[in-house]
Amino acid sequence: MITSARHNVCGCFAVITVLIGASVASAEDGGGTQDLFASSLKALGALVLVLALIFIAAWLVKRYLKFLPQGGIRGDGIKVIAVRAIGPKRSIHILEVGGKKFLVGSTESSVNLLKEFSESDRVEVLPERSDFEDK
């Protein structure tokens, strides 16, 4: 999302640059400084409008896409039940794939299967403990 927004902003700047260049060219042809100012003002207004639309779209996506299934739009069958950080760039995950549950450990360089739960195993996710509870 951020990358596409950056591409959109860069594209807008490119369009604005072309518009300003065209304005300068028409001003050199005898259009006068008034036409240059009006064209630049129009270009600036278009830039503000496009940036506002990008920010509104980003806000809408952030607000309403959280209601989509956790596996994404397709619902690819992988459900993340819980994730806990156990250190810098280290975490454990409980995943459900096709009705089976797995405990997976991930580090910066690898992902390892720690345990495959059987149907008889009961997986209970405990609430995350706060550091303030110790004090």
C-alpha atoms as a PDB file:
ATOM      1  CA  MET A   1       0.000   0.000   0.000  1.00  0.00           C
ATOM      2  CA  ILE A   2       2.730   2.443   0.922  1.00  0.00           C
ATOM      3  CA  THR A   3       4.713   1.599  -2.201  1.00  0.00           C
ATOM      4  CA  SER A   4       1.743   2.215  -4.491  1.00  0.00           C
ATOM      5  CA  ALA A   5       1.035   5.500  -2.696  1.00  0.00           C
ATOM      6  CA  ARG A   6       4.644   6.539  -3.283  1.00  0.00           C
ATOM      7  CA  HIS A   7       4.294   5.635  -6.961  1.00  0.00           C
ATOM      8  CA  ASN A   8       1.103   7.693  -7.156  1.00  0.00           C
ATOM      9  CA  VAL A   9       2.770  10.690  -5.529  1.00  0.00           C
ATOM     10  CA  CYS A  10       5.788  10.392  -7.843  1.00  0.00           C
ATOM     11  CA  GLY A  11       3.435  10.139 -10.819  1.00  0.00           C
ATOM     12  CA  CYS A  12       1.586  13.240  -9.643  1.00  0.00           C
ATOM     13  CA  PHE A  13       4.830  15.168  -9.348  1.00  0.00           C
ATOM     14  CA  ALA A  14       5.772  14.058 -12.862  1.00  0.00           C
ATOM     15  CA  VAL A  15       2.430  15.258 -14.236  1.00  0.00           C
ATOM     16  CA  ILE A  16       2.734  18.545 -12.366  1.00  0.00           C
ATOM     17  CA  THR A  17       6.264  19.016 -13.732  1.00  0.00           C
ATOM     18  CA  VAL A  18       5.005  18.461 -17.279  1.00  0.00           C
ATOM     19  CA  LEU A  19       2.133  20.910 -16.732  1.00  0.00           C
ATOM     20  CA  ILE A  20       4.444  23.567 -15.339  1.00  0.00           C
ATOM     21  CA  GLY A  21       6.850  22.976 -18.236  1.00  0.00           C
ATOM     22  CA  ALA A  22       3.999  23.431 -20.698  1.00  0.00           C
ATOM     23  CA  SER A  23       2.953  26.581 -18.868  1.00  0.00           C
ATOM     24  CA  VAL A  24       6.465  27.970 -19.099  1.00  0.00           C
ATOM     25  CA  ALA A  25       6.613  27.140 -22.808  1.00  0.00           C
ATOM     26  CA  SER A  26       3.313  28.901 -23.455  1.00  0.00           C
ATOM     27  CA  ALA A  27       4.489  31.873 -21.403  1.00  0.00           C
ATOM     28  CA  GLU A  28       7.609  32.112 -23.558  1.00  0.00           C
ATOM     29  CA  ASP A  29       5.408  32.178 -26.633  1.00  0.00           C
ATOM     30  CA  GLY A  30       3.912  35.461 -25.435  1.00  0.00           C
ATOM     31  CA  GLY A  31       1.230  34.202 -23.042  1.00  0.00           C
ATOM     32  CA  GLY A  32       2.478  36.505 -20.311  1.00  0.00           C
ATOM     33  CA  THR A  33       3.118  36.020 -16.628  1.00  0.00           C
ATOM     34  CA  GLN A  34      -0.584  36.048 -15.815  1.00  0.00           C
ATOM     35  CA  ASP A  35      -1.127  32.818 -17.804  1.00  0.00           C
ATOM     36  CA  LEU A  36       1.916  31.278 -16.151  1.00  0.00           C
ATOM     37  CA  PHE A  37       0.580  32.152 -12.707  1.00  0.00           C
ATOM     38  CA  ALA A  38      -2.898  30.818 -13.532  1.00  0.00           C
ATOM     39  CA  SER A  39      -1.488  27.599 -14.969  1.00  0.00           C
ATOM     40  CA  SER A  40       0.805  27.104 -11.980  1.00  0.00           C
ATOM     41  CA  LEU A  41      -2.102  27.726  -9.630  1.00  0.00           C
ATOM     42  CA  LYS A  42      -4.202  25.137 -11.492  1.00  0.00           C
ATOM     43  CA  ALA A  43      -1.341  22.640 -11.314  1.00  0.00           C
ATOM     44  CA  LEU A  44      -0.899  23.255  -7.595  1.00  0.00           C
ATOM     45  CA  GLY A  45      -4.640  22.834  -7.050  1.00  0.00           C
ATOM     46  CA  ALA A  46      -4.587  19.550  -8.968  1.00  0.00           C
ATOM     47  CA  LEU A  47      -1.652  18.358  -6.856  1.00  0.00           C
ATOM     48  CA  VAL A  48      -3.458  19.180  -3.625  1.00  0.00           C
ATOM     49  CA  LEU A  49      -6.591  17.430  -4.885  1.00  0.00           C
ATOM     50  CA  VAL A  50      -4.705  14.272  -5.881  1.00  0.00           C
ATOM     51  CA  LEU A  51      -2.800  14.160  -2.578  1.00  0.00           C
ATOM     52  CA  ALA A  52      -6.061  14.604  -0.659  1.00  0.00           C
ATOM     53  CA  LEU A  53      -7.639  11.742  -2.620  1.00  0.00           C
ATOM     54  CA  ILE A  54      -4.632   9.516  -1.889  1.00  0.00           C
ATOM     55  CA  PHE A  55      -4.817  10.224   1.841  1.00  0.00           C
ATOM     56  CA  ILE A  56      -8.585   9.670   1.906  1.00  0.00           C
ATOM     57  CA  ALA A  57      -8.198   6.364   0.040  1.00  0.00           C
ATOM     58  CA  ALA A  58      -5.449   5.252   2.441  1.00  0.00           C
ATOM     59  CA  TRP A  59      -7.635   6.132   5.425  1.00  0.00           C
ATOM     60  CA  LEU A  60     -10.593   4.211   3.985  1.00  0.00           C
ATOM     61  CA  VAL A  61      -8.447   1.164   3.243  1.00  0.00           C
ATOM     62  CA  LYS A  62      -6.955   1.220   6.736  1.00  0.00           C
ATOM     63  CA  ARG A  63     -10.364   1.603   8.337  1.00  0.00           C
ATOM     64  CA  TYR A  64     -12.422  -0.898   6.345  1.00  0.00           C
ATOM     65  CA  LEU A  65      -9.976  -3.601   5.250  1.00  0.00           C
ATOM     66  CA  LYS A  66      -9.571  -4.832   8.818  1.00  0.00           C
ATOM     67  CA  PHE A  67     -12.970  -6.493   8.416  1.00  0.00           C
ATOM     68  CA  LEU A  68     -11.693  -8.810   5.672  1.00  0.00           C
ATOM     69  CA  PRO A  69     -10.871 -12.427   6.517  1.00  0.00           C
ATOM     70  CA  GLN A  70      -7.465 -12.846   8.117  1.00  0.00           C
ATOM     71  CA  GLY A  71      -6.180 -14.950   5.228  1.00  0.00           C
ATOM     72  CA  GLY A  72      -6.732 -12.040   2.862  1.00  0.00           C
ATOM     73  CA  ILE A  73      -9.395 -11.493   0.272  1.00  0.00           C
ATOM     74  CA  ARG A  74      -9.110 -15.009  -1.148  1.00  0.00           C
ATOM     75  CA  GLY A  75      -9.231 -16.735   2.244  1.00  0.00           C
ATOM     76  CA  ASP A  76      -6.356 -19.075   1.413  1.00  0.00           C
ATOM     77  CA  GLY A  77      -7.022 -21.432   4.334  1.00  0.00           C
ATOM     78  CA  ILE A  78      -4.217 -20.277   6.648  1.00  0.00           C
ATOM     79  CA  LYS A  79      -5.448 -18.728   9.876  1.00  0.00           C
ATOM     80  CA  VAL A  80      -3.112 -17.103  12.396  1.00  0.00           C
ATOM     81  CA  ILE A  81      -4.497 -17.933  15.829  1.00  0.00           C
ATOM     82  CA  ALA A  82      -1.823 -16.243  17.959  1.00  0.00           C
ATOM     83  CA  VAL A  83       1.582 -14.583  17.656  1.00  0.00           C
ATOM     84  CA  ARG A  84       3.975 -13.878  20.530  1.00  0.00           C
ATOM     85  CA  ALA A  85       7.317 -12.111  20.334  1.00  0.00           C
ATOM     86  CA  ILE A  86       9.956 -13.957  22.347  1.00  0.00           C
ATOM     87  CA  GLY A  87      12.880 -11.690  21.564  1.00  0.00           C
ATOM     88  CA  PRO A  88      14.225  -9.288  18.997  1.00  0.00           C
ATOM     89  CA  LYS A  89      13.198 -10.592  15.558  1.00  0.00           C
ATOM     90  CA  ARG A  90      12.029 -13.878  17.115  1.00  0.00           C
ATOM     91  CA  SER A  91       8.443 -14.992  17.544  1.00  0.00           C
ATOM     92  CA  ILE A  92       6.220 -18.034  17.827  1.00  0.00           C
ATOM     93  CA  HIS A  93       2.972 -18.487  15.935  1.00  0.00           C
ATOM     94  CA  ILE A  94       0.022 -20.823  16.285  1.00  0.00           C
ATOM     95  CA  LEU A  95      -1.408 -21.455  12.831  1.00  0.00           C
ATOM     96  CA  GLU A  96      -4.439 -23.381  11.635  1.00  0.00           C
ATOM     97  CA  VAL A  97      -4.185 -24.903   8.177  1.00  0.00           C
ATOM     98  CA  GLY A  98      -6.904 -27.193   6.886  1.00  0.00           C
ATOM     99  CA  GLY A  99      -8.274 -27.827  10.371  1.00  0.00           C
ATOM    100  CA  LYS A 100      -4.852 -28.793  11.824  1.00  0.00           C
ATOM    101  CA  LYS A 101      -2.955 -26.591  14.256  1.00  0.00           C
ATOM    102  CA  PHE A 102       0.796 -25.963  14.162  1.00  0.00           C
ATOM    103  CA  LEU A 103       3.260 -24.222  16.480  1.00  0.00           C
ATOM    104  CA  VAL A 104       5.845 -22.431  14.345  1.00  0.00           C
ATOM    105  CA  GLY A 105       8.931 -20.504  15.435  1.00  0.00           C
ATOM    106  CA  SER A 106      10.324 -17.741  13.261  1.00  0.00           C
ATOM    107  CA  THR A 107      13.589 -15.833  13.361  1.00  0.00           C
ATOM    108  CA  GLU A 108      15.175 -13.343  11.029  1.00  0.00           C
ATOM    109  CA  SER A 109      16.607 -16.120   8.856  1.00  0.00           C
ATOM    110  CA  SER A 110      14.348 -19.156   9.285  1.00  0.00           C
ATOM    111  CA  VAL A 111      10.921 -20.571  10.042  1.00  0.00           C
ATOM    112  CA  ASN A 112      10.723 -23.900  11.904  1.00  0.00           C
ATOM    113  CA  LEU A 113       7.895 -26.237  12.782  1.00  0.00           C
ATOM    114  CA  LEU A 114       8.034 -26.703  16.549  1.00  0.00           C
ATOM    115  CA  LYS A 115       4.975 -28.899  17.068  1.00  0.00           C
ATOM    116  CA  GLU A 116       2.059 -30.271  15.094  1.00  0.00           C
ATOM    117  CA  PHE A 117      -0.935 -30.581  17.361  1.00  0.00           C
ATOM    118  CA  SER A 118      -3.062 -33.700  17.116  1.00  0.00           C
ATOM    119  CA  GLU A 119      -6.846 -33.626  17.093  1.00  0.00           C
ATOM    120  CA  SER A 120      -6.918 -34.592  20.786  1.00  0.00           C
ATOM    121  CA  ASP A 121      -4.606 -31.738  21.854  1.00  0.00           C
ATOM    122  CA  ARG A 122      -6.403 -28.727  23.232  1.00  0.00           C
ATOM    123  CA  VAL A 123      -4.832 -25.448  22.149  1.00  0.00           C
ATOM    124  CA  GLU A 124      -5.692 -22.600  24.481  1.00  0.00           C
ATOM    125  CA  VAL A 125      -4.475 -19.105  23.730  1.00  0.00           C
ATOM    126  CA  LEU A 126      -3.780 -17.135  26.898  1.00  0.00           C
ATOM    127  CA  PRO A 127      -4.138 -13.355  26.951  1.00  0.00           C
ATOM    128  CA  GLU A 128      -0.885 -11.484  26.506  1.00  0.00           C
ATOM    129  CA  ARG A 129       0.627 -10.447  29.809  1.00  0.00           C
ATOM    130  CA  SER A 130       1.633  -6.837  30.325  1.00  0.00           C
ATOM    131  CA  ASP A 131       4.947  -5.809  31.871  1.00  0.00           C
ATOM    132  CA  PHE A 132       2.956  -3.671  34.306  1.00  0.00           C
ATOM    133  CA  GLU A 133       1.354  -6.736  35.925  1.00  0.00           C
ATOM    134  CA  ASP A 134       4.678  -7.680  37.529  1.00  0.00           C
ATOM    135  CA  LYS A 135       4.857  -4.470  39.540  1.00  0.00           C
END
